[in-house]
C-alpha atoms as a PDB file:
ATOM      1  CA  MET A   1     -51.313  42.575 -42.494  1.00  0.00           C
ATOM      2  CA  ARG A   2     -49.922  45.413 -40.290  1.00  0.00           C
ATOM      3  CA  ILE A   3     -46.389  46.483 -40.100  1.00  0.00           C
ATOM      4  CA  ILE A   4     -44.755  49.160 -37.760  1.00  0.00           C
ATOM      5  CA  ALA A   5     -41.697  50.522 -38.982  1.00  0.00           C
ATOM      6  CA  ASP A   6     -39.048  53.037 -37.978  1.00  0.00           C
ATOM      7  CA  ASP A   7     -39.525  56.303 -39.930  1.00  0.00           C
ATOM      8  CA  ASN A   8     -35.945  56.834 -40.189  1.00  0.00           C
ATOM      9  CA  ILE A   9     -35.130  53.761 -42.250  1.00  0.00           C
ATOM     10  CA  PRO A  10     -33.997  55.051 -45.558  1.00  0.00           C
ATOM     11  CA  TYR A  11     -35.243  53.745 -48.976  1.00  0.00           C
ATOM     12  CA  LEU A  12     -38.127  51.947 -47.249  1.00  0.00           C
ATOM     13  CA  LYS A  13     -41.323  54.191 -47.685  1.00  0.00           C
ATOM     14  CA  GLY A  14     -43.405  53.200 -50.547  1.00  0.00           C
ATOM     15  CA  ARG A  15     -42.275  49.627 -50.850  1.00  0.00           C
ATOM     16  CA  LEU A  16     -44.681  47.974 -48.550  1.00  0.00           C
ATOM     17  CA  GLU A  17     -47.721  50.216 -49.091  1.00  0.00           C
ATOM     18  CA  GLY A  18     -50.455  48.271 -50.857  1.00  0.00           C
ATOM     19  CA  LEU A  19     -49.146  45.015 -49.438  1.00  0.00           C
ATOM     20  CA  ALA A  20     -50.057  45.918 -45.771  1.00  0.00           C
ATOM     21  CA  GLU A  21     -50.999  48.483 -43.499  1.00  0.00           C
ATOM     22  CA  VAL A  22     -47.870  50.306 -42.747  1.00  0.00           C
ATOM     23  CA  VAL A  23     -47.375  52.498 -39.647  1.00  0.00           C
ATOM     24  CA  TYR A  24     -44.246  54.551 -39.349  1.00  0.00           C
ATOM     25  CA  VAL A  25     -42.964  55.925 -35.933  1.00  0.00           C
ATOM     26  CA  ASP A  26     -39.750  57.161 -34.678  1.00  0.00           C
ATOM     27  CA  GLN A  27     -37.342  55.046 -32.885  1.00  0.00           C
ATOM     28  CA  PHE A  28     -38.800  55.746 -29.465  1.00  0.00           C
ATOM     29  CA  GLY A  29     -42.362  55.394 -30.560  1.00  0.00           C
ATOM     30  CA  PHE A  30     -42.669  51.477 -30.589  1.00  0.00           C
ATOM     31  CA  THR A  31     -45.179  50.899 -27.673  1.00  0.00           C
ATOM     32  CA  PRO A  32     -47.003  47.773 -26.600  1.00  0.00           C
ATOM     33  CA  GLU A  33     -50.255  49.514 -27.796  1.00  0.00           C
ATOM     34  CA  ILE A  34     -49.083  50.239 -31.435  1.00  0.00           C
ATOM     35  CA  VAL A  35     -47.434  46.908 -32.003  1.00  0.00           C
ATOM     36  CA  LYS A  36     -50.273  44.869 -30.297  1.00  0.00           C
ATOM     37  CA  ASP A  37     -52.030  44.064 -33.599  1.00  0.00           C
ATOM     38  CA  ALA A  38     -48.846  43.888 -35.812  1.00  0.00           C
ATOM     39  CA  ASP A  39     -47.754  41.045 -37.874  1.00  0.00           C
ATOM     40  CA  ALA A  40     -44.106  42.558 -38.058  1.00  0.00           C
ATOM     41  CA  ILE A  41     -41.925  45.481 -36.763  1.00  0.00           C
ATOM     42  CA  ILE A  42     -38.939  46.846 -38.611  1.00  0.00           C
ATOM     43  CA  ILE A  43     -36.650  48.667 -36.105  1.00  0.00           C
ATOM     44  CA  ARG A  44     -33.153  49.999 -35.630  1.00  0.00           C
ATOM     45  CA  THR A  45     -30.660  50.008 -32.671  1.00  0.00           C
ATOM     46  CA  ARG A  46     -32.637  51.844 -30.080  1.00  0.00           C
ATOM     47  CA  THR A  47     -35.806  49.960 -29.947  1.00  0.00           C
ATOM     48  CA  ARG A  48     -35.791  47.382 -27.264  1.00  0.00           C
ATOM     49  CA  ALA A  49     -37.495  44.355 -28.806  1.00  0.00           C
ATOM     50  CA  ASN A  50     -38.580  42.204 -25.606  1.00  0.00           C
ATOM     51  CA  GLU A  51     -41.411  41.058 -23.498  1.00  0.00           C
ATOM     52  CA  GLU A  52     -42.121  44.411 -22.265  1.00  0.00           C
ATOM     53  CA  LEU A  53     -42.787  45.526 -25.860  1.00  0.00           C
ATOM     54  CA  LEU A  54     -43.934  42.309 -27.603  1.00  0.00           C
ATOM     55  CA  GLY A  55     -45.874  40.461 -24.940  1.00  0.00           C
ATOM     56  CA  GLY A  56     -49.226  39.792 -25.807  1.00  0.00           C
ATOM     57  CA  SER A  57     -49.055  40.943 -29.425  1.00  0.00           C
ATOM     58  CA  LYS A  58     -49.432  39.020 -32.703  1.00  0.00           C
ATOM     59  CA  VAL A  59     -45.864  40.118 -33.919  1.00  0.00           C
ATOM     60  CA  ARG A  60     -44.380  37.207 -35.913  1.00  0.00           C
ATOM     61  CA  LEU A  61     -41.191  38.960 -37.065  1.00  0.00           C
ATOM     62  CA  VAL A  62     -38.631  41.387 -35.689  1.00  0.00           C
ATOM     63  CA  ALA A  63     -36.563  42.604 -38.461  1.00  0.00           C
ATOM     64  CA  THR A  64     -33.906  45.179 -37.644  1.00  0.00           C
ATOM     65  CA  ALA A  65     -32.166  47.222 -40.366  1.00  0.00           C
ATOM     66  CA  THR A  66     -28.845  47.055 -38.617  1.00  0.00           C
ATOM     67  CA  ILE A  67     -26.115  44.416 -37.899  1.00  0.00           C
ATOM     68  CA  GLY A  68     -26.545  44.635 -34.118  1.00  0.00           C
ATOM     69  CA  ILE A  69     -29.004  42.423 -32.246  1.00  0.00           C
ATOM     70  CA  ASP A  70     -28.232  43.365 -28.781  1.00  0.00           C
ATOM     71  CA  GLN A  71     -31.430  45.492 -28.527  1.00  0.00           C
ATOM     72  CA  ILE A  72     -33.480  42.261 -29.011  1.00  0.00           C
ATOM     73  CA  ASP A  73     -34.139  39.635 -26.429  1.00  0.00           C
ATOM     74  CA  LEU A  74     -33.415  36.748 -28.549  1.00  0.00           C
ATOM     75  CA  PRO A  75     -34.137  33.912 -26.019  1.00  0.00           C
ATOM     76  CA  TRP A  76     -37.625  35.498 -25.312  1.00  0.00           C
ATOM     77  CA  CYS A  77     -38.457  35.976 -28.912  1.00  0.00           C
ATOM     78  CA  GLU A  78     -37.448  32.469 -29.927  1.00  0.00           C
ATOM     79  CA  SER A  79     -39.602  31.016 -26.938  1.00  0.00           C
ATOM     80  CA  ASN A  80     -42.455  32.916 -28.236  1.00  0.00           C
ATOM     81  CA  GLY A  81     -42.181  31.950 -31.877  1.00  0.00           C
ATOM     82  CA  ILE A  82     -41.078  35.296 -33.082  1.00  0.00           C
ATOM     83  CA  GLU A  83     -38.601  35.250 -36.129  1.00  0.00           C
ATOM     84  CA  VAL A  84     -35.700  37.654 -35.674  1.00  0.00           C
ATOM     85  CA  ARG A  85     -33.726  38.825 -38.667  1.00  0.00           C
ATOM     86  CA  ASN A  86     -30.864  41.267 -38.830  1.00  0.00           C
ATOM     87  CA  ALA A  87     -28.634  42.776 -41.533  1.00  0.00           C
ATOM     88  CA  PRO A  88     -25.222  41.122 -41.214  1.00  0.00           C
ATOM     89  CA  GLY A  89     -22.465  42.678 -43.290  1.00  0.00           C
ATOM     90  CA  CYS A  90     -24.809  45.347 -44.575  1.00  0.00           C
ATOM     91  CA  ASN A  91     -22.546  48.377 -43.851  1.00  0.00           C
ATOM     92  CA  ALA A  92     -19.121  46.373 -43.452  1.00  0.00           C
ATOM     93  CA  PRO A  93     -17.742  47.998 -46.506  1.00  0.00           C
ATOM     94  CA  GLY A  94     -18.535  51.528 -45.113  1.00  0.00           C
ATOM     95  CA  VAL A  95     -17.045  50.650 -41.582  1.00  0.00           C
ATOM     96  CA  ALA A  96     -14.064  49.534 -43.405  1.00  0.00           C
ATOM     97  CA  GLN A  97     -13.862  52.833 -45.444  1.00  0.00           C
ATOM     98  CA  TYR A  98     -14.262  54.924 -42.246  1.00  0.00           C
ATOM     99  CA  VAL A  99     -11.512  52.845 -40.193  1.00  0.00           C
ATOM    100  CA  TRP A 100      -9.035  52.959 -42.928  1.00  0.00           C
ATOM    101  CA  SER A 101      -9.473  56.561 -43.796  1.00  0.00           C
ATOM    102  CA  ALA A 102      -9.058  57.326 -40.059  1.00  0.00           C
ATOM    103  CA  LEU A 103      -6.043  54.983 -39.767  1.00  0.00           C
ATOM    104  CA  LEU A 104      -4.266  56.577 -42.931  1.00  0.00           C
ATOM    105  CA  ARG A 105      -5.012  60.156 -41.731  1.00  0.00           C
ATOM    106  CA  CYS A 106      -3.583  59.427 -38.287  1.00  0.00           C
ATOM    107  CA  GLY A 107      -0.270  58.387 -39.971  1.00  0.00           C
ATOM    108  CA  PHE A 108      -0.666  54.612 -39.922  1.00  0.00           C
ATOM    109  CA  ASP A 109       1.523  53.172 -42.895  1.00  0.00           C
ATOM    110  CA  PRO A 110       0.286  49.740 -44.101  1.00  0.00           C
ATOM    111  CA  LYS A 111       3.600  49.118 -45.637  1.00  0.00           C
ATOM    112  CA  ARG A 112       5.426  49.636 -42.276  1.00  0.00           C
ATOM    113  CA  ASP A 113       2.791  49.278 -39.530  1.00  0.00           C
ATOM    114  CA  THR A 114       1.066  46.285 -37.988  1.00  0.00           C
ATOM    115  CA  LEU A 115      -2.622  46.334 -37.599  1.00  0.00           C
ATOM    116  CA  GLY A 116      -4.542  44.509 -34.894  1.00  0.00           C
ATOM    117  CA  ILE A 117      -8.075  43.412 -35.760  1.00  0.00           C
ATOM    118  CA  VAL A 118     -10.225  42.275 -32.714  1.00  0.00           C
ATOM    119  CA  GLY A 119     -13.214  40.501 -34.276  1.00  0.00           C
ATOM    120  CA  CYS A 120     -12.862  39.159 -37.821  1.00  0.00           C
ATOM    121  CA  GLY A 121     -16.741  38.769 -38.841  1.00  0.00           C
ATOM    122  CA  ASN A 122     -18.240  40.619 -41.707  1.00  0.00           C
ATOM    123  CA  VAL A 123     -16.479  43.978 -40.890  1.00  0.00           C
ATOM    124  CA  GLY A 124     -13.402  42.756 -39.945  1.00  0.00           C
ATOM    125  CA  SER A 125     -12.793  40.353 -42.606  1.00  0.00           C
ATOM    126  CA  ILE A 126     -13.244  43.049 -45.263  1.00  0.00           C
ATOM    127  CA  GLU A 127     -10.922  45.434 -43.366  1.00  0.00           C
ATOM    128  CA  HIS A 128      -8.466  42.469 -43.376  1.00  0.00           C
ATOM    129  CA  ALA A 129      -8.985  41.997 -47.098  1.00  0.00           C
ATOM    130  CA  TRP A 130      -8.135  45.742 -47.589  1.00  0.00           C
ATOM    131  CA  GLY A 131      -5.214  45.479 -45.435  1.00  0.00           C
ATOM    132  CA  LYS A 132      -3.949  42.631 -47.557  1.00  0.00           C
ATOM    133  CA  GLU A 133      -4.450  44.698 -50.706  1.00  0.00           C
ATOM    134  CA  LEU A 134      -2.515  47.423 -49.176  1.00  0.00           C
ATOM    135  CA  GLY A 135       0.414  45.130 -48.008  1.00  0.00           C
ATOM    136  CA  CYS A 136      -0.237  45.358 -44.512  1.00  0.00           C
ATOM    137  CA  LYS A 137       0.970  42.984 -41.578  1.00  0.00           C
ATOM    138  CA  MET A 138      -2.081  42.052 -39.519  1.00  0.00           C
ATOM    139  CA  LEU A 139      -2.709  40.126 -36.394  1.00  0.00           C
ATOM    140  CA  VAL A 140      -6.271  39.056 -35.627  1.00  0.00           C
ATOM    141  CA  SER A 141      -7.978  38.051 -32.343  1.00  0.00           C
ATOM    142  CA  ASP A 142     -11.223  36.254 -32.710  1.00  0.00           C
ATOM    143  CA  PRO A 143     -11.377  33.083 -30.626  1.00  0.00           C
ATOM    144  CA  PRO A 144     -14.756  31.811 -31.951  1.00  0.00           C
ATOM    145  CA  ARG A 145     -13.745  31.939 -35.576  1.00  0.00           C
ATOM    146  CA  GLU A 146     -10.425  30.681 -34.839  1.00  0.00           C
ATOM    147  CA  ALA A 147     -11.774  27.621 -33.288  1.00  0.00           C
ATOM    148  CA  GLU A 148     -14.507  27.148 -36.248  1.00  0.00           C
ATOM    149  CA  GLU A 149     -11.803  27.363 -38.672  1.00  0.00           C
ATOM    150  CA  ARG A 150      -9.306  25.085 -37.123  1.00  0.00           C
ATOM    151  CA  ALA A 151     -12.112  22.479 -36.571  1.00  0.00           C
ATOM    152  CA  THR A 152     -13.827  22.681 -40.180  1.00  0.00           C
ATOM    153  CA  GLU A 153     -12.870  24.874 -43.146  1.00  0.00           C
ATOM    154  CA  ARG A 154      -9.386  25.750 -42.328  1.00  0.00           C
ATOM    155  CA  GLY A 155      -8.469  22.207 -41.953  1.00  0.00           C
ATOM    156  CA  LYS A 156      -9.901  21.324 -45.520  1.00  0.00           C
ATOM    157  CA  GLU A 157      -7.998  24.212 -46.769  1.00  0.00           C
ATOM    158  CA  ARG A 158      -4.652  23.030 -45.352  1.00  0.00           C
ATOM    159  CA  ALA A 159      -5.399  19.679 -47.063  1.00  0.00           C
ATOM    160  CA  LYS A 160      -5.552  21.402 -50.176  1.00  0.00           C
ATOM    161  CA  GLY A 161      -2.384  23.397 -49.542  1.00  0.00           C
ATOM    162  CA  LYS A 162      -4.309  26.612 -49.028  1.00  0.00           C
ATOM    163  CA  GLU A 163      -4.528  29.106 -46.031  1.00  0.00           C
ATOM    164  CA  SER A 164      -7.088  31.662 -45.118  1.00  0.00           C
ATOM    165  CA  GLY A 165      -4.437  34.161 -44.839  1.00  0.00           C
ATOM    166  CA  ILE A 166      -5.678  35.217 -41.435  1.00  0.00           C
ATOM    167  CA  GLU A 167      -2.782  35.288 -38.710  1.00  0.00           C
ATOM    168  CA  TYR A 168      -4.703  34.616 -35.278  1.00  0.00           C
ATOM    169  CA  ALA A 169      -3.117  35.525 -32.067  1.00  0.00           C
ATOM    170  CA  PRO A 170      -4.194  35.864 -28.403  1.00  0.00           C
ATOM    171  CA  LEU A 171      -5.748  39.329 -27.595  1.00  0.00           C
ATOM    172  CA  GLU A 172      -2.966  40.244 -25.347  1.00  0.00           C
ATOM    173  CA  HIS A 173      -0.518  39.722 -28.102  1.00  0.00           C
ATOM    174  CA  VAL A 174      -2.569  41.617 -30.601  1.00  0.00           C
ATOM    175  CA  LEU A 175      -2.678  44.543 -28.244  1.00  0.00           C
ATOM    176  CA  ALA A 176       0.875  44.692 -27.322  1.00  0.00           C
ATOM    177  CA  GLU A 177       2.337  44.051 -30.885  1.00  0.00           C
ATOM    178  CA  SER A 178       0.098  46.221 -32.898  1.00  0.00           C
ATOM    179  CA  ASP A 179       0.518  49.831 -34.076  1.00  0.00           C
ATOM    180  CA  ALA A 180      -3.165  50.291 -34.350  1.00  0.00           C
ATOM    181  CA  VAL A 181      -5.832  48.031 -32.984  1.00  0.00           C
ATOM    182  CA  THR A 182      -9.528  48.149 -34.369  1.00  0.00           C
ATOM    183  CA  LEU A 183     -12.494  46.501 -32.713  1.00  0.00           C
ATOM    184  CA  HIS A 184     -15.335  44.794 -34.643  1.00  0.00           C
ATOM    185  CA  THR A 185     -17.054  42.440 -32.042  1.00  0.00           C
ATOM    186  CA  PRO A 186     -20.646  42.313 -31.398  1.00  0.00           C
ATOM    187  CA  LEU A 187     -21.763  43.340 -27.869  1.00  0.00           C
ATOM    188  CA  THR A 188     -22.318  40.286 -25.686  1.00  0.00           C
ATOM    189  CA  ARG A 189     -22.614  40.247 -21.858  1.00  0.00           C
ATOM    190  CA  SER A 190     -22.491  36.507 -21.300  1.00  0.00           C
ATOM    191  CA  GLY A 191     -21.005  33.250 -22.560  1.00  0.00           C
ATOM    192  CA  GLU A 192     -17.333  32.051 -22.847  1.00  0.00           C
ATOM    193  CA  HIS A 193     -16.347  34.831 -25.208  1.00  0.00           C
ATOM    194  CA  ALA A 194     -18.514  37.938 -23.756  1.00  0.00           C
ATOM    195  CA  THR A 195     -17.340  41.190 -25.114  1.00  0.00           C
ATOM    196  CA  TYR A 196     -18.892  43.817 -22.476  1.00  0.00           C
ATOM    197  CA  HIS A 197     -15.698  45.786 -21.480  1.00  0.00           C
ATOM    198  CA  LEU A 198     -13.489  43.430 -23.343  1.00  0.00           C
ATOM    199  CA  ILE A 199     -10.878  46.093 -23.469  1.00  0.00           C
ATOM    200  CA  GLY A 200     -10.619  47.257 -19.917  1.00  0.00           C
ATOM    201  CA  GLU A 201      -7.829  48.839 -17.821  1.00  0.00           C
ATOM    202  CA  ARG A 202      -5.577  45.727 -17.969  1.00  0.00           C
ATOM    203  CA  GLU A 203      -6.003  45.477 -21.800  1.00  0.00           C
ATOM    204  CA  LEU A 204      -5.473  49.051 -22.562  1.00  0.00           C
ATOM    205  CA  SER A 205      -2.226  48.955 -20.306  1.00  0.00           C
ATOM    206  CA  LEU A 206      -0.948  46.622 -23.054  1.00  0.00           C
ATOM    207  CA  ILE A 207      -1.118  48.953 -25.754  1.00  0.00           C
ATOM    208  CA  ARG A 208       2.330  50.667 -26.450  1.00  0.00           C
ATOM    209  CA  PRO A 209       2.499  54.431 -25.865  1.00  0.00           C
ATOM    210  CA  GLY A 210       1.620  56.612 -28.726  1.00  0.00           C
ATOM    211  CA  LYS A 211      -0.296  53.718 -30.476  1.00  0.00           C
ATOM    212  CA  LEU A 212      -4.101  53.868 -31.683  1.00  0.00           C
ATOM    213  CA  LEU A 213      -7.264  52.367 -30.658  1.00  0.00           C
ATOM    214  CA  VAL A 214     -10.299  52.474 -32.833  1.00  0.00           C
ATOM    215  CA  ASN A 215     -13.855  51.742 -31.604  1.00  0.00           C
ATOM    216  CA  ALA A 216     -16.304  51.113 -34.416  1.00  0.00           C
ATOM    217  CA  ALA A 217     -18.093  48.199 -32.823  1.00  0.00           C
ATOM    218  CA  ARG A 218     -20.233  48.834 -29.822  1.00  0.00           C
ATOM    219  CA  GLY A 219     -19.579  51.456 -27.187  1.00  0.00           C
ATOM    220  CA  PRO A 220     -19.558  48.951 -24.020  1.00  0.00           C
ATOM    221  CA  VAL A 221     -17.015  46.800 -25.753  1.00  0.00           C
ATOM    222  CA  VAL A 222     -14.550  49.323 -24.142  1.00  0.00           C
ATOM    223  CA  ASP A 223     -14.394  50.640 -20.492  1.00  0.00           C
ATOM    224  CA  PHE A 224     -14.746  54.121 -21.245  1.00  0.00           C
ATOM    225  CA  GLY A 225     -13.569  55.154 -17.771  1.00  0.00           C
ATOM    226  CA  ALA A 226     -10.353  53.275 -18.196  1.00  0.00           C
ATOM    227  CA  LEU A 227      -9.969  54.675 -22.024  1.00  0.00           C
ATOM    228  CA  LYS A 228     -10.551  58.222 -20.925  1.00  0.00           C
ATOM    229  CA  SER A 229      -7.744  57.914 -18.226  1.00  0.00           C
ATOM    230  CA  GLU A 230      -5.405  56.840 -21.002  1.00  0.00           C
ATOM    231  CA  VAL A 231      -6.280  59.208 -23.628  1.00  0.00           C
ATOM    232  CA  MET A 232      -6.663  62.256 -21.290  1.00  0.00           C
ATOM    233  CA  SER A 233      -2.942  61.494 -20.058  1.00  0.00           C
ATOM    234  CA  GLY A 234      -1.845  61.130 -23.723  1.00  0.00           C
ATOM    235  CA  ARG A 235      -0.401  57.806 -23.413  1.00  0.00           C
ATOM    236  CA  ILE A 236      -2.471  56.260 -26.250  1.00  0.00           C
ATOM    237  CA  ARG A 237      -4.479  57.924 -28.919  1.00  0.00           C
ATOM    238  CA  ALA A 238      -8.102  56.912 -30.083  1.00  0.00           C
ATOM    239  CA  VAL A 239     -10.748  57.073 -32.703  1.00  0.00           C
ATOM    240  CA  ILE A 240     -14.336  56.557 -31.455  1.00  0.00           C
ATOM    241  CA  ASP A 241     -17.384  56.118 -33.414  1.00  0.00           C
ATOM    242  CA  THR A 242     -19.405  54.091 -30.960  1.00  0.00           C
ATOM    243  CA  TRP A 243     -19.518  55.438 -27.257  1.00  0.00           C
ATOM    244  CA  GLU A 244     -20.462  53.794 -23.909  1.00  0.00           C
ATOM    245  CA  GLY A 245     -23.633  55.362 -22.865  1.00  0.00           C
ATOM    246  CA  GLU A 246     -24.660  57.005 -26.404  1.00  0.00           C
ATOM    247  CA  PRO A 247     -26.150  59.371 -27.255  1.00  0.00           C
ATOM    248  CA  GLU A 248     -24.531  60.724 -24.256  1.00  0.00           C
ATOM    249  CA  VAL A 249     -20.891  61.576 -25.026  1.00  0.00           C
ATOM    250  CA  ASP A 250     -18.062  62.622 -22.783  1.00  0.00           C
ATOM    251  CA  ALA A 251     -17.044  66.034 -24.001  1.00  0.00           C
ATOM    252  CA  GLU A 252     -13.554  66.203 -22.547  1.00  0.00           C
ATOM    253  CA  LEU A 253     -12.814  62.737 -24.037  1.00  0.00           C
ATOM    254  CA  LEU A 254     -14.381  63.781 -27.319  1.00  0.00           C
ATOM    255  CA  GLY A 255     -12.115  66.844 -27.345  1.00  0.00           C
ATOM    256  CA  LYS A 256      -9.028  64.653 -26.874  1.00  0.00           C
ATOM    257  CA  VAL A 257      -9.575  61.823 -29.414  1.00  0.00           C
ATOM    258  CA  GLU A 258      -8.122  62.003 -32.938  1.00  0.00           C
ATOM    259  CA  TYR A 259     -11.552  61.616 -34.248  1.00  0.00           C
ATOM    260  CA  GLY A 260     -14.813  61.438 -32.477  1.00  0.00           C
ATOM    261  CA  THR A 261     -18.056  60.770 -34.558  1.00  0.00           C
ATOM    262  CA  PHE A 262     -21.617  59.837 -33.972  1.00  0.00           C
ATOM    263  CA  HIS A 263     -22.002  56.178 -34.490  1.00  0.00           C
ATOM    264  CA  ILE A 264     -21.988  56.821 -38.490  1.00  0.00           C
ATOM    265  CA  ALA A 265     -18.940  54.480 -39.461  1.00  0.00           C
ATOM    266  CA  GLY A 266     -21.246  52.485 -41.612  1.00  0.00           C
ATOM    267  CA  TYR A 267     -23.440  55.278 -42.913  1.00  0.00           C
ATOM    268  CA  SER A 268     -22.833  54.727 -46.519  1.00  0.00           C
ATOM    269  CA  ARG A 269     -25.619  54.989 -49.177  1.00  0.00           C
ATOM    270  CA  GLN A 270     -24.948  51.567 -50.404  1.00  0.00           C
ATOM    271  CA  GLY A 271     -24.777  50.200 -46.767  1.00  0.00           C
ATOM    272  CA  LYS A 272     -28.110  51.740 -45.919  1.00  0.00           C
ATOM    273  CA  GLU A 273     -29.847  50.148 -49.165  1.00  0.00           C
ATOM    274  CA  ARG A 274     -28.230  46.890 -48.183  1.00  0.00           C
ATOM    275  CA  ALA A 275     -29.815  47.034 -44.986  1.00  0.00           C
ATOM    276  CA  THR A 276     -33.353  48.241 -45.935  1.00  0.00           C
ATOM    277  CA  ARG A 277     -33.082  45.198 -48.670  1.00  0.00           C
ATOM    278  CA  MET A 278     -32.336  42.751 -45.963  1.00  0.00           C
ATOM    279  CA  ALA A 279     -35.167  43.778 -43.768  1.00  0.00           C
ATOM    280  CA  LEU A 280     -37.598  43.734 -46.783  1.00  0.00           C
ATOM    281  CA  GLU A 281     -36.268  40.268 -47.741  1.00  0.00           C
ATOM    282  CA  ALA A 282     -36.998  39.013 -44.180  1.00  0.00           C
ATOM    283  CA  VAL A 283     -40.563  40.449 -44.494  1.00  0.00           C
ATOM    284  CA  SER A 284     -41.178  38.773 -47.895  1.00  0.00           C
ATOM    285  CA  GLU A 285     -39.843  35.383 -46.729  1.00  0.00           C
ATOM    286  CA  VAL A 286     -41.579  35.379 -43.301  1.00  0.00           C
ATOM    287  CA  LEU A 287     -44.960  37.118 -44.329  1.00  0.00           C
ATOM    288  CA  GLY A 288     -44.997  35.882 -47.901  1.00  0.00           C
ATOM    289  CA  LEU A 289     -45.110  39.222 -49.516  1.00  0.00           C
ATOM    290  CA  PRO A 290     -43.964  40.074 -52.968  1.00  0.00           C
ATOM    291  CA  VAL A 291     -41.853  43.147 -51.790  1.00  0.00           C
ATOM    292  CA  ASP A 292     -40.352  45.394 -54.581  1.00  0.00           C
ATOM    293  CA  LEU A 293     -36.497  45.422 -54.174  1.00  0.00           C
ATOM    294  CA  ALA A 294     -35.701  47.237 -57.200  1.00  0.00           C
ATOM    295  CA  ARG A 295     -32.667  49.844 -57.278  1.00  0.00           C
ATOM    296  CA  LEU A 296     -31.459  48.679 -53.714  1.00  0.00           C
ATOM    297  CA  THR A 297     -27.727  47.700 -53.644  1.00  0.00           C
ATOM    298  CA  GLY A 298     -27.131  44.097 -53.369  1.00  0.00           C
ATOM    299  CA  ARG A 299     -24.346  42.098 -51.753  1.00  0.00           C
ATOM    300  CA  TYR A 300     -20.789  43.495 -51.608  1.00  0.00           C
ATOM    301  CA  GLU A 301     -18.461  42.009 -54.286  1.00  0.00           C
ATOM    302  CA  GLY A 302     -15.178  43.656 -53.500  1.00  0.00           C
ATOM    303  CA  THR A 303     -13.388  46.870 -54.384  1.00  0.00           C
ATOM    304  CA  GLU A 304     -11.249  46.987 -57.367  1.00  0.00           C
ATOM    305  CA  GLY A 305      -8.139  49.180 -57.591  1.00  0.00           C
ATOM    306  CA  LEU A 306      -7.990  49.933 -53.853  1.00  0.00           C
ATOM    307  CA  THR A 307      -5.342  52.550 -52.822  1.00  0.00           C
ATOM    308  CA  CYS A 308      -4.552  54.412 -49.904  1.00  0.00           C
ATOM    309  CA  GLU A 309      -5.150  57.615 -51.891  1.00  0.00           C
ATOM    310  CA  ARG A 310      -8.615  56.438 -52.919  1.00  0.00           C
ATOM    311  CA  ILE A 311      -9.666  55.683 -49.354  1.00  0.00           C
ATOM    312  CA  ILE A 312      -8.388  58.913 -48.056  1.00  0.00           C
ATOM    313  CA  ALA A 313     -10.282  60.902 -50.807  1.00  0.00           C
ATOM    314  CA  SER A 314     -13.468  58.883 -50.306  1.00  0.00           C
ATOM    315  CA  TYR A 315     -14.197  60.244 -46.664  1.00  0.00           C
ATOM    316  CA  ASP A 316     -12.801  62.746 -44.080  1.00  0.00           C
ATOM    317  CA  PRO A 317     -13.904  62.034 -40.481  1.00  0.00           C
ATOM    318  CA  GLY A 318     -12.596  65.350 -39.460  1.00  0.00           C
ATOM    319  CA  GLU A 319     -15.822  66.890 -40.752  1.00  0.00           C
ATOM    320  CA  ASP A 320     -18.019  64.725 -38.665  1.00  0.00           C
ATOM    321  CA  THR A 321     -15.793  65.220 -35.738  1.00  0.00           C
ATOM    322  CA  ALA A 322     -16.071  68.785 -35.899  1.00  0.00           C
ATOM    323  CA  ALA A 323     -19.805  68.677 -36.160  1.00  0.00           C
ATOM    324  CA  LEU A 324     -20.078  66.596 -33.038  1.00  0.00           C
ATOM    325  CA  ARG A 325     -17.639  68.675 -31.030  1.00  0.00           C
ATOM    326  CA  ALA A 326     -19.526  71.653 -31.771  1.00  0.00           C
ATOM    327  CA  ALA A 327     -22.763  70.148 -30.449  1.00  0.00           C
ATOM    328  CA  PRO A 328     -22.193  66.943 -28.453  1.00  0.00           C
ATOM    329  CA  GLU A 329     -25.738  67.081 -27.202  1.00  0.00           C
ATOM    330  CA  ALA A 330     -26.881  66.715 -30.792  1.00  0.00           C
ATOM    331  CA  PHE A 331     -25.736  63.089 -31.368  1.00  0.00           C
ATOM    332  CA  ASP A 332     -29.058  61.576 -32.447  1.00  0.00           C
ATOM    333  CA  THR A 333     -29.929  64.860 -34.456  1.00  0.00           C
ATOM    334  CA  LEU A 334     -26.658  64.509 -36.515  1.00  0.00           C
ATOM    335  CA  ARG A 335     -27.192  60.802 -36.966  1.00  0.00           C
ATOM    336  CA  ALA A 336     -30.808  61.139 -38.149  1.00  0.00           C
ATOM    337  CA  GLY A 337     -29.883  64.036 -40.592  1.00  0.00           C
ATOM    338  CA  TYR A 338     -26.453  62.546 -41.875  1.00  0.00           C
ATOM    339  CA  HIS A 339     -25.875  62.818 -45.555  1.00  0.00           C
ATOM    340  CA  TYR A 340     -24.919  59.153 -46.510  1.00  0.00           C
ATOM    341  CA  ARG A 341     -21.471  59.045 -48.171  1.00  0.00           C
ATOM    342  CA  GLU A 342     -20.525  57.013 -51.286  1.00  0.00           C
ATOM    343  CA  GLU A 343     -18.438  53.800 -50.481  1.00  0.00           C
ATOM    344  CA  VAL A 344     -14.899  53.591 -51.954  1.00  0.00           C
END
């Protein structure tokens, strides 16, 4: 068997050798020629897995060591019998750590302020759980999840006299009533709940003056043209980890945000180990290979003794912000050379 893998996926090298021929390339080195005879490819966010790359190949599996799958043409892969696997939730605790550290350092008080969470999947639900632990009032906008809960599990919980503890509200209400809003949706461009430019000029206008918007989802979830106008005028504040058009960043906007980093919100050691583990599990299941998973962090089981002080002490986004401001053109280089932090 032959596997082509991104050479910047940590903790991967040495685990497949001996089971298959493994070729490592950088994230832009995946070409039709190199994947033509591959059984599987293991990628990250920048490699476009579509007909242009995979047409005519023998690839059976596309495994991405990331949560996002917007770089993969899912309908085309499905119609051509190619299994697609991602790593949902792998870095969710790391993103929660990033967001909560930024919030607390920006003066957000969980005992007094209201947090709005847009998208309550793997990341949003952990962020919500931490907020609950810290005594924070929260509002959540997630129409697909809300509909699913009302139709299934939440109805069962109500029947048992239990509740999920999540207070759902329309997006407009969340934006208008929250002291800080964090975004955790996938990037989708079609369908009933498409998220491309979900937060545009109208939505930004609903955020009260001086309040905070955090984007650690995908850049294009926010209309950055509209966001820049609001931030440069000083009407609202922002923390940005994911940028529209990255790795290009707007230097003027970068200079005005509270924190601006290079898409590393989820870059914890444990999160990277989980992502690699999930990609390897996919290879094992689809190709039938006895892959070595030793010493790779497993499923997140919660954080005991969570406090604001522990979160703040665990990570300072100011250091990464200073690095990006010093060299905005080094976005990808900073990412590739990042020293993975420890989770809370």
